[in-house]
Amino acid sequence: MPYAVRPRRAESLRPGHLADDHALVRRGVRLILDSEPDLTVVAEAGDGAEAVEAARIHQPDLAILDIAMPCLTGLQAARELARTQPGLRLLILTMYDNEQYFFEALAAGASGYVLKSVADRDLVEACRATMRGEPFLYPGAVNDLIRNYLDRAREGGAIPTKAITDREEEILKLVAEGHTSQEIADILVISVKTVERHRANLLEKLGMKDRLELTRYAIRVGLIEP
C-alpha cells in the first residue's frame, strides 16, 4: 500500500506517499493520516511500480509501503526508492508479523515496521518517528526480536538472509503473476534467455520442478497474495 506523506507545516513533516493494492485499506489509512494537523497524504499507489513512479513525481518526505503488492513488492519498491531517492523516509505497513520480513525491510532501507492490525494506534506515531530519523517497530514485537537476535548472536548465527537474489525475486514474482518469459524480459528489459536462466536457478535453489510450485512459494513468502 504505498502512500506518500508530507507534513503540513514547513518546519514539520512534509507530505507523504501511500501504497497498497487494496483501495479500502488506502482509504482507511488516508483518513487516519489526513486527520492529523501535521501530516498530508499527497499521493496513493495500487502497486509497487506505481509507488516508485509516484514518489519520483511528487517527491514526498515519507513513503508508506505494503509488502504484498503486484508488479513490485513493498520490499522491492523500498530498495528502488532507497537507491534513487536516498533522502526519502520509508515505512512498512503490513499484515505480516514476521521477523524475516522485518530484517529484510531494514536491509531495504525502511526505518519503521507497523502492523495493519494496530495501524489506528501506531501509524501516526510511526510516521512522526520515521520523519525524525528514528526507527519505529510496533511495541509487541520489540522484546521478541531483541531476544531472538541476541540468541543468534550468542550462538554465532547471523541475521537471516534470503535464499534468492533480488533479481531472482523479481523474476519469481512475475512468474507467479502469470507472465510469460517474453513479457518478463520486456518488463525487466533483459533477454528471454536471461529470464530462463534465472527461472532455472530458482527451481534448482528452491528444490522445485514447475511454475505451480514457484507460485505456491511466492504466496507463502508474501511476494503475491493468494
C-alpha atoms as a PDB file:
ATOM      1  CA  MET A   1       0.000   0.000   0.000  1.00  0.00           C
ATOM      2  CA  PRO A   2       2.096   2.871  -0.945  1.00  0.00           C
ATOM      3  CA  TYR A   3       1.340   6.267   0.485  1.00  0.00           C
ATOM      4  CA  ALA A   4       3.294   9.461   0.176  1.00  0.00           C
ATOM      5  CA  VAL A   5       3.152  11.607   3.254  1.00  0.00           C
ATOM      6  CA  ARG A   6       4.329  15.137   3.861  1.00  0.00           C
ATOM      7  CA  PRO A   7       3.931  17.369   6.918  1.00  0.00           C
ATOM      8  CA  ARG A   8       1.560  20.261   6.628  1.00  0.00           C
ATOM      9  CA  ARG A   9       3.836  22.780   8.329  1.00  0.00           C
ATOM     10  CA  ALA A  10       7.102  23.667   6.672  1.00  0.00           C
ATOM     11  CA  GLU A  11       9.057  23.002   9.851  1.00  0.00           C
ATOM     12  CA  SER A  12       7.190  19.742  10.426  1.00  0.00           C
ATOM     13  CA  LEU A  13       6.721  16.592   8.362  1.00  0.00           C
ATOM     14  CA  ARG A  14       6.315  17.242   4.649  1.00  0.00           C
ATOM     15  CA  PRO A  15       3.846  15.186   2.569  1.00  0.00           C
ATOM     16  CA  GLY A  16       3.817  11.500   2.294  1.00  0.00           C
ATOM     17  CA  HIS A  17       3.067   8.814  -0.201  1.00  0.00           C
ATOM     18  CA  LEU A  18       0.905   5.737   0.441  1.00  0.00           C
ATOM     19  CA  ALA A  19       0.938   2.428  -1.481  1.00  0.00           C
ATOM     20  CA  ASP A  20      -1.423  -0.523  -1.032  1.00  0.00           C
ATOM     21  CA  ASP A  21      -3.156  -2.687  -3.613  1.00  0.00           C
ATOM     22  CA  HIS A  22      -6.452  -2.571  -1.675  1.00  0.00           C
ATOM     23  CA  ALA A  23      -8.384   0.660  -2.219  1.00  0.00           C
ATOM     24  CA  LEU A  24     -10.371   0.189   1.011  1.00  0.00           C
ATOM     25  CA  VAL A  25      -7.181  -0.067   3.054  1.00  0.00           C
ATOM     26  CA  ARG A  26      -5.752   3.017   1.341  1.00  0.00           C
ATOM     27  CA  ARG A  27      -8.919   4.940   2.156  1.00  0.00           C
ATOM     28  CA  GLY A  28      -8.754   3.961   5.821  1.00  0.00           C
ATOM     29  CA  VAL A  29      -5.090   4.831   6.191  1.00  0.00           C
ATOM     30  CA  ARG A  30      -5.608   8.132   4.403  1.00  0.00           C
ATOM     31  CA  LEU A  31      -8.384   9.037   6.843  1.00  0.00           C
ATOM     32  CA  ILE A  32      -6.051   8.338   9.768  1.00  0.00           C
ATOM     33  CA  LEU A  33      -3.212  10.436   8.358  1.00  0.00           C
ATOM     34  CA  ASP A  34      -5.228  13.322   6.935  1.00  0.00           C
ATOM     35  CA  SER A  35      -6.951  13.820  10.285  1.00  0.00           C
ATOM     36  CA  GLU A  36      -3.594  14.810  11.800  1.00  0.00           C
ATOM     37  CA  PRO A  37      -2.667  18.518  11.697  1.00  0.00           C
ATOM     38  CA  ASP A  38       0.952  17.841  10.740  1.00  0.00           C
ATOM     39  CA  LEU A  39       0.543  15.130   8.065  1.00  0.00           C
ATOM     40  CA  THR A  40      -0.755  15.212   4.499  1.00  0.00           C
ATOM     41  CA  VAL A  41      -1.082  12.340   2.017  1.00  0.00           C
ATOM     42  CA  VAL A  42      -0.035  13.696  -1.371  1.00  0.00           C
ATOM     43  CA  ALA A  43      -0.221  10.512  -3.474  1.00  0.00           C
ATOM     44  CA  GLU A  44      -1.504   6.934  -3.483  1.00  0.00           C
ATOM     45  CA  ALA A  45      -0.482   3.882  -5.496  1.00  0.00           C
ATOM     46  CA  GLY A  46      -2.001   0.469  -6.106  1.00  0.00           C
ATOM     47  CA  ASP A  47       1.227  -1.464  -6.656  1.00  0.00           C
ATOM     48  CA  GLY A  48       4.965  -1.229  -6.097  1.00  0.00           C
ATOM     49  CA  ALA A  49       5.826   0.099  -9.539  1.00  0.00           C
ATOM     50  CA  GLU A  50       3.233   2.868  -9.215  1.00  0.00           C
ATOM     51  CA  ALA A  51       4.680   3.676  -5.798  1.00  0.00           C
ATOM     52  CA  VAL A  52       8.153   4.220  -7.244  1.00  0.00           C
ATOM     53  CA  GLU A  53       6.791   6.407 -10.044  1.00  0.00           C
ATOM     54  CA  ALA A  54       4.532   8.431  -7.710  1.00  0.00           C
ATOM     55  CA  ALA A  55       7.451   9.076  -5.372  1.00  0.00           C
ATOM     56  CA  ARG A  56       9.510  10.296  -8.321  1.00  0.00           C
ATOM     57  CA  ILE A  57       6.763  12.696  -9.408  1.00  0.00           C
ATOM     58  CA  HIS A  58       5.607  14.009  -6.021  1.00  0.00           C
ATOM     59  CA  GLN A  59       8.902  13.910  -4.107  1.00  0.00           C
ATOM     60  CA  PRO A  60       7.299  13.124  -0.712  1.00  0.00           C
ATOM     61  CA  ASP A  61       9.180  13.042   2.581  1.00  0.00           C
ATOM     62  CA  LEU A  62       7.815   9.646   3.581  1.00  0.00           C
ATOM     63  CA  ALA A  63       6.615   6.579   1.659  1.00  0.00           C
ATOM     64  CA  ILE A  64       4.382   4.039   3.417  1.00  0.00           C
ATOM     65  CA  LEU A  65       4.560   0.651   1.677  1.00  0.00           C
ATOM     66  CA  ASP A  66       2.666  -2.603   1.959  1.00  0.00           C
ATOM     67  CA  ILE A  67       4.728  -5.776   1.469  1.00  0.00           C
ATOM     68  CA  ALA A  68       2.486  -7.901  -0.763  1.00  0.00           C
ATOM     69  CA  MET A  69       1.669  -5.851  -3.885  1.00  0.00           C
ATOM     70  CA  PRO A  70       1.554  -6.546  -7.636  1.00  0.00           C
ATOM     71  CA  CYS A  71       4.422  -5.683 -10.025  1.00  0.00           C
ATOM     72  CA  LEU A  72       6.893  -4.905  -7.224  1.00  0.00           C
ATOM     73  CA  THR A  73       6.554  -5.899  -3.588  1.00  0.00           C
ATOM     74  CA  GLY A  74       6.916  -3.231  -0.942  1.00  0.00           C
ATOM     75  CA  LEU A  75      10.400  -4.525  -0.177  1.00  0.00           C
ATOM     76  CA  GLN A  76      11.427  -4.340  -3.823  1.00  0.00           C
ATOM     77  CA  ALA A  77       9.948  -0.844  -4.098  1.00  0.00           C
ATOM     78  CA  ALA A  78      11.771   0.168  -0.917  1.00  0.00           C
ATOM     79  CA  ARG A  79      15.107  -0.972  -2.351  1.00  0.00           C
ATOM     80  CA  GLU A  80      14.490   1.007  -5.527  1.00  0.00           C
ATOM     81  CA  LEU A  81      13.383   4.119  -3.634  1.00  0.00           C
ATOM     82  CA  ALA A  82      16.360   3.900  -1.281  1.00  0.00           C
ATOM     83  CA  ARG A  83      18.620   3.741  -4.327  1.00  0.00           C
ATOM     84  CA  THR A  84      17.000   6.535  -6.355  1.00  0.00           C
ATOM     85  CA  GLN A  85      15.773   8.828  -3.564  1.00  0.00           C
ATOM     86  CA  PRO A  86      18.150   8.388  -0.623  1.00  0.00           C
ATOM     87  CA  GLY A  87      16.540  11.240   1.324  1.00  0.00           C
ATOM     88  CA  LEU A  88      13.098   9.615   1.295  1.00  0.00           C
ATOM     89  CA  ARG A  89      11.982   8.007   4.571  1.00  0.00           C
ATOM     90  CA  LEU A  90      10.411   4.539   4.237  1.00  0.00           C
ATOM     91  CA  LEU A  91       7.816   2.906   6.484  1.00  0.00           C
ATOM     92  CA  ILE A  92       6.388  -0.605   6.054  1.00  0.00           C
ATOM     93  CA  LEU A  93       2.697  -1.093   6.928  1.00  0.00           C
ATOM     94  CA  THR A  94       1.829  -4.768   6.641  1.00  0.00           C
ATOM     95  CA  MET A  95      -0.252  -7.689   7.837  1.00  0.00           C
ATOM     96  CA  TYR A  96       2.894  -9.837   8.237  1.00  0.00           C
ATOM     97  CA  ASP A  97       4.055 -10.250  11.835  1.00  0.00           C
ATOM     98  CA  ASN A  98       7.249 -11.848  10.623  1.00  0.00           C
ATOM     99  CA  GLU A  99      10.832 -11.494  11.827  1.00  0.00           C
ATOM    100  CA  GLN A 100      12.303 -12.330   8.422  1.00  0.00           C
ATOM    101  CA  TYR A 101      10.312  -9.570   6.733  1.00  0.00           C
ATOM    102  CA  PHE A 102      11.295  -7.111   9.461  1.00  0.00           C
ATOM    103  CA  PHE A 103      15.011  -7.651   8.914  1.00  0.00           C
ATOM    104  CA  GLU A 104      14.560  -7.580   5.132  1.00  0.00           C
ATOM    105  CA  ALA A 105      12.665  -4.291   5.484  1.00  0.00           C
ATOM    106  CA  LEU A 106      15.541  -2.773   7.448  1.00  0.00           C
ATOM    107  CA  ALA A 107      18.028  -4.047   4.878  1.00  0.00           C
ATOM    108  CA  ALA A 108      15.897  -2.497   2.124  1.00  0.00           C
ATOM    109  CA  GLY A 109      16.119   0.906   3.791  1.00  0.00           C
ATOM    110  CA  ALA A 110      12.931   1.097   5.863  1.00  0.00           C
ATOM    111  CA  SER A 111      13.039   2.909   9.191  1.00  0.00           C
ATOM    112  CA  GLY A 112       9.790   1.544  10.572  1.00  0.00           C
ATOM    113  CA  TYR A 113       7.565  -1.532  10.542  1.00  0.00           C
ATOM    114  CA  VAL A 114       3.893  -1.325  11.586  1.00  0.00           C
ATOM    115  CA  LEU A 115       1.164  -3.981  11.547  1.00  0.00           C
ATOM    116  CA  LYS A 116      -2.122  -3.132   9.841  1.00  0.00           C
ATOM    117  CA  SER A 117      -3.978  -4.663  12.772  1.00  0.00           C
ATOM    118  CA  VAL A 118      -2.771  -1.844  15.032  1.00  0.00           C
ATOM    119  CA  ALA A 119      -2.468   0.922  12.444  1.00  0.00           C
ATOM    120  CA  ASP A 120      -5.106   3.027  14.184  1.00  0.00           C
ATOM    121  CA  ARG A 121      -2.927   3.004  17.293  1.00  0.00           C
ATOM    122  CA  ASP A 122       0.648   3.082  15.987  1.00  0.00           C
ATOM    123  CA  LEU A 123       0.707   4.501  12.471  1.00  0.00           C
ATOM    124  CA  VAL A 124       0.708   8.222  13.241  1.00  0.00           C
ATOM    125  CA  GLU A 125       3.481   7.919  15.821  1.00  0.00           C
ATOM    126  CA  ALA A 126       5.435   5.679  13.431  1.00  0.00           C
ATOM    127  CA  CYS A 127       5.202   8.350  10.711  1.00  0.00           C
ATOM    128  CA  ARG A 128       6.398  11.055  13.089  1.00  0.00           C
ATOM    129  CA  ALA A 129       9.230   8.929  14.465  1.00  0.00           C
ATOM    130  CA  THR A 130      10.364   7.950  10.955  1.00  0.00           C
ATOM    131  CA  MET A 131      10.331  11.570   9.848  1.00  0.00           C
ATOM    132  CA  ARG A 132      12.510  12.468  12.847  1.00  0.00           C
ATOM    133  CA  GLY A 133      15.006   9.879  11.659  1.00  0.00           C
ATOM    134  CA  GLU A 134      14.146   7.478  14.484  1.00  0.00           C
ATOM    135  CA  PRO A 135      13.363   3.785  13.999  1.00  0.00           C
ATOM    136  CA  PHE A 136       9.871   2.554  14.836  1.00  0.00           C
ATOM    137  CA  LEU A 137       8.775  -1.032  15.448  1.00  0.00           C
ATOM    138  CA  TYR A 138       5.364  -1.988  16.757  1.00  0.00           C
ATOM    139  CA  PRO A 139       5.799  -2.428  20.527  1.00  0.00           C
ATOM    140  CA  GLY A 140       4.624  -6.029  20.815  1.00  0.00           C
ATOM    141  CA  ALA A 141       7.496  -7.320  18.659  1.00  0.00           C
ATOM    142  CA  VAL A 142      10.410  -5.449  20.199  1.00  0.00           C
ATOM    143  CA  ASN A 143      11.212  -7.849  23.026  1.00  0.00           C
ATOM    144  CA  ASP A 144      10.908 -10.982  20.879  1.00  0.00           C
ATOM    145  CA  LEU A 145      13.065  -9.553  18.115  1.00  0.00           C
ATOM    146  CA  ILE A 146      15.767  -8.427  20.505  1.00  0.00           C
ATOM    147  CA  ARG A 147      15.710 -11.782  22.286  1.00  0.00           C
ATOM    148  CA  ASN A 148      15.917 -13.735  19.023  1.00  0.00           C
ATOM    149  CA  TYR A 149      18.705 -11.523  17.706  1.00  0.00           C
ATOM    150  CA  LEU A 150      20.741 -11.917  20.907  1.00  0.00           C
ATOM    151  CA  ASP A 151      20.174 -15.685  20.894  1.00  0.00           C
ATOM    152  CA  ARG A 152      21.542 -15.906  17.353  1.00  0.00           C
ATOM    153  CA  ALA A 153      24.485 -13.698  18.225  1.00  0.00           C
ATOM    154  CA  ARG A 154      25.395 -15.892  21.206  1.00  0.00           C
ATOM    155  CA  GLU A 155      25.180 -18.975  19.013  1.00  0.00           C
ATOM    156  CA  GLY A 156      27.372 -17.398  16.359  1.00  0.00           C
ATOM    157  CA  GLY A 157      24.473 -17.066  13.903  1.00  0.00           C
ATOM    158  CA  ALA A 158      23.687 -14.218  11.574  1.00  0.00           C
ATOM    159  CA  ILE A 159      20.675 -12.172  10.618  1.00  0.00           C
ATOM    160  CA  PRO A 160      18.556 -14.276   8.269  1.00  0.00           C
ATOM    161  CA  THR A 161      19.432 -13.909   4.608  1.00  0.00           C
ATOM    162  CA  LYS A 162      17.270 -14.559   1.597  1.00  0.00           C
ATOM    163  CA  ALA A 163      17.637 -17.806  -0.298  1.00  0.00           C
ATOM    164  CA  ILE A 164      17.450 -15.989  -3.629  1.00  0.00           C
ATOM    165  CA  THR A 165      18.917 -12.812  -5.110  1.00  0.00           C
ATOM    166  CA  ASP A 166      16.960  -9.593  -5.661  1.00  0.00           C
ATOM    167  CA  ARG A 167      16.814 -10.245  -9.422  1.00  0.00           C
ATOM    168  CA  GLU A 168      15.640 -13.817  -8.874  1.00  0.00           C
ATOM    169  CA  GLU A 169      12.961 -12.459  -6.562  1.00  0.00           C
ATOM    170  CA  GLU A 170      11.774 -10.093  -9.314  1.00  0.00           C
ATOM    171  CA  ILE A 171      11.626 -12.991 -11.777  1.00  0.00           C
ATOM    172  CA  LEU A 172       9.831 -15.215  -9.261  1.00  0.00           C
ATOM    173  CA  LYS A 173       7.151 -12.618  -8.581  1.00  0.00           C
ATOM    174  CA  LEU A 174       6.472 -12.051 -12.262  1.00  0.00           C
ATOM    175  CA  VAL A 175       6.398 -15.797 -12.992  1.00  0.00           C
ATOM    176  CA  ALA A 176       3.924 -16.302 -10.151  1.00  0.00           C
ATOM    177  CA  GLU A 177       1.764 -13.472 -11.504  1.00  0.00           C
ATOM    178  CA  GLY A 178       1.436 -15.462 -14.739  1.00  0.00           C
ATOM    179  CA  HIS A 179       3.727 -13.510 -17.057  1.00  0.00           C
ATOM    180  CA  THR A 180       5.444 -15.332 -19.928  1.00  0.00           C
ATOM    181  CA  SER A 181       9.218 -15.288 -20.314  1.00  0.00           C
ATOM    182  CA  GLN A 182       8.885 -12.767 -23.138  1.00  0.00           C
ATOM    183  CA  GLU A 183       6.680 -10.490 -21.020  1.00  0.00           C
ATOM    184  CA  ILE A 184       9.132 -10.702 -18.117  1.00  0.00           C
ATOM    185  CA  ALA A 185      12.014  -9.899 -20.439  1.00  0.00           C
ATOM    186  CA  ASP A 186      10.133  -6.843 -21.718  1.00  0.00           C
ATOM    187  CA  ILE A 187       9.222  -5.647 -18.213  1.00  0.00           C
ATOM    188  CA  LEU A 188      12.766  -6.005 -16.849  1.00  0.00           C
ATOM    189  CA  VAL A 189      14.498  -5.033 -20.107  1.00  0.00           C
ATOM    190  CA  ILE A 190      16.562  -8.198 -20.239  1.00  0.00           C
ATOM    191  CA  SER A 191      16.748 -11.074 -22.725  1.00  0.00           C
ATOM    192  CA  VAL A 192      14.410 -14.065 -22.712  1.00  0.00           C
ATOM    193  CA  LYS A 193      17.499 -16.255 -22.324  1.00  0.00           C
ATOM    194  CA  THR A 194      18.397 -14.413 -19.117  1.00  0.00           C
ATOM    195  CA  VAL A 195      14.862 -14.867 -17.800  1.00  0.00           C
ATOM    196  CA  GLU A 196      15.011 -18.600 -18.497  1.00  0.00           C
ATOM    197  CA  ARG A 197      18.388 -18.872 -16.777  1.00  0.00           C
ATOM    198  CA  HIS A 198      17.053 -17.137 -13.659  1.00  0.00           C
ATOM    199  CA  ARG A 199      13.979 -19.351 -13.669  1.00  0.00           C
ATOM    200  CA  ALA A 200      16.154 -22.459 -13.862  1.00  0.00           C
ATOM    201  CA  ASN A 201      18.296 -21.152 -11.000  1.00  0.00           C
ATOM    202  CA  LEU A 202      15.158 -20.569  -8.920  1.00  0.00           C
ATOM    203  CA  LEU A 203      13.909 -24.106  -9.473  1.00  0.00           C
ATOM    204  CA  GLU A 204      17.292 -25.525  -8.517  1.00  0.00           C
ATOM    205  CA  LYS A 205      17.826 -23.308  -5.451  1.00  0.00           C
ATOM    206  CA  LEU A 206      14.331 -23.869  -4.087  1.00  0.00           C
ATOM    207  CA  GLY A 207      14.192 -27.557  -4.986  1.00  0.00           C
ATOM    208  CA  MET A 208      11.080 -27.144  -7.146  1.00  0.00           C
ATOM    209  CA  LYS A 209      10.049 -28.517 -10.511  1.00  0.00           C
ATOM    210  CA  ASP A 210       7.496 -26.190 -12.137  1.00  0.00           C
ATOM    211  CA  ARG A 211       5.658 -22.841 -12.206  1.00  0.00           C
ATOM    212  CA  LEU A 212       2.924 -24.099  -9.861  1.00  0.00           C
ATOM    213  CA  GLU A 213       5.424 -24.836  -7.093  1.00  0.00           C
ATOM    214  CA  LEU A 214       7.118 -21.466  -7.666  1.00  0.00           C
ATOM    215  CA  THR A 215       3.723 -19.763  -7.393  1.00  0.00           C
ATOM    216  CA  ARG A 216       2.924 -21.547  -4.130  1.00  0.00           C
ATOM    217  CA  TYR A 217       6.316 -20.491  -2.770  1.00  0.00           C
ATOM    218  CA  ALA A 218       5.732 -16.876  -3.869  1.00  0.00           C
ATOM    219  CA  ILE A 219       2.416 -16.851  -1.986  1.00  0.00           C
ATOM    220  CA  ARG A 220       4.000 -18.403   1.089  1.00  0.00           C
ATOM    221  CA  VAL A 221       6.748 -15.769   1.306  1.00  0.00           C
ATOM    222  CA  GLY A 222       4.397 -12.854   0.580  1.00  0.00           C
ATOM    223  CA  LEU A 223       5.517 -11.924  -2.939  1.00  0.00           C
ATOM    224  CA  ILE A 224       1.938 -12.272  -4.183  1.00  0.00           C
ATOM    225  CA  GLU A 225      -1.417 -12.737  -2.497  1.00  0.00           C
ATOM    226  CA  PRO A 226      -3.454 -15.938  -2.921  1.00  0.00           C
END
